[in-house]
Amino acid sequence: MKSSSNELWQEYIKNKNPVVKEKLVLEYISLVKNIANKISFYVPGGISKDDLYGYGIFGLLEAVERFNPEMGIPFSGYAVKRIKGAIIDGLRKEDWVPAGVRKKAKLISQSYQRVEMSLLRSATDEEIALDLNISLQEFYLWLKQLQYVTLLSLDEPFNDTACKQENVFDRCSPDPQAAVEAKEIKTLLAEAVDGLPEKEKTVVTLFYYEELTNKEIAGVLKLSDSRVSQLHTKAIFRLRGRLARNRKNHDL
């Protein structure tokens, strides 16, 4: 953390001066712009970038209010999660995903879980389409319709423990059990990502870990934007199926 930022944090934590808070918000406002720009590629045209930016500002304000430098984590990393969460919460309240699309998303997740559990390997597009009793062309149409849904998928908690994980760093004395369980969830997710088909794994890695946009990923892989979106969508549903299967096995 820069010395100037550190001084601002010390002053803000000491007296909660709203003027200092405003300075901190302005210093990190670029985080909101970057995240809103990235998410704008994955939402319908009816939702403006300004809407996303507005949701993100609330997340940044919350991050500034709750952050404690003594926890030893960088503010940017802490704030990114809060900003993304605020934007996604805003989108959920808008209820912009039709019921029919939600149903298709559930069917595809269940199909990946069912087929890959049976085959003990990654399912092909043809195998998933057959399991869904639809044509391959219709399966690809479903994926195109569902690309917006996958925006929320990796940010949705996989169980109640993930919800508790959100607040671990906000407490003076974090719950050790919640921290251990949160670590287990991250391990399961990392293993699931590692088991993806190569191109899907690359897309997920570049998008979620390297923070590249869809267009940037397309340039790196020399693929069209639509192909990258398709790979991303398939990867998310495959991951959701595998995580659901792991959770089911864990509960047995």
Foldseek 3Di string as FASTA:
>chain_A
DDPVLVVLLVVCVVPVDVVSLVVNCVVCLVLLVLVLVQLVVQDDPVDDSVNLSVQLSVLQSVLSVQDDVVLPDDSSVLSNLSSLVSSVVSVVVVVPQDPVLVVLLVLLLQLLLVVCVVVVAGDDLCSSCVVVVHDSVVSLVSLVSCLNVLSCQVVDDPDPLVVLVNCQNRDPHGDPVSVVVNVVLVVLLVVLLVRDPPLLSQLCCCVPPVVDHLVVSCVVVVHDSSVSSSSPSNSSSNSSSSSVNVVVVVVD
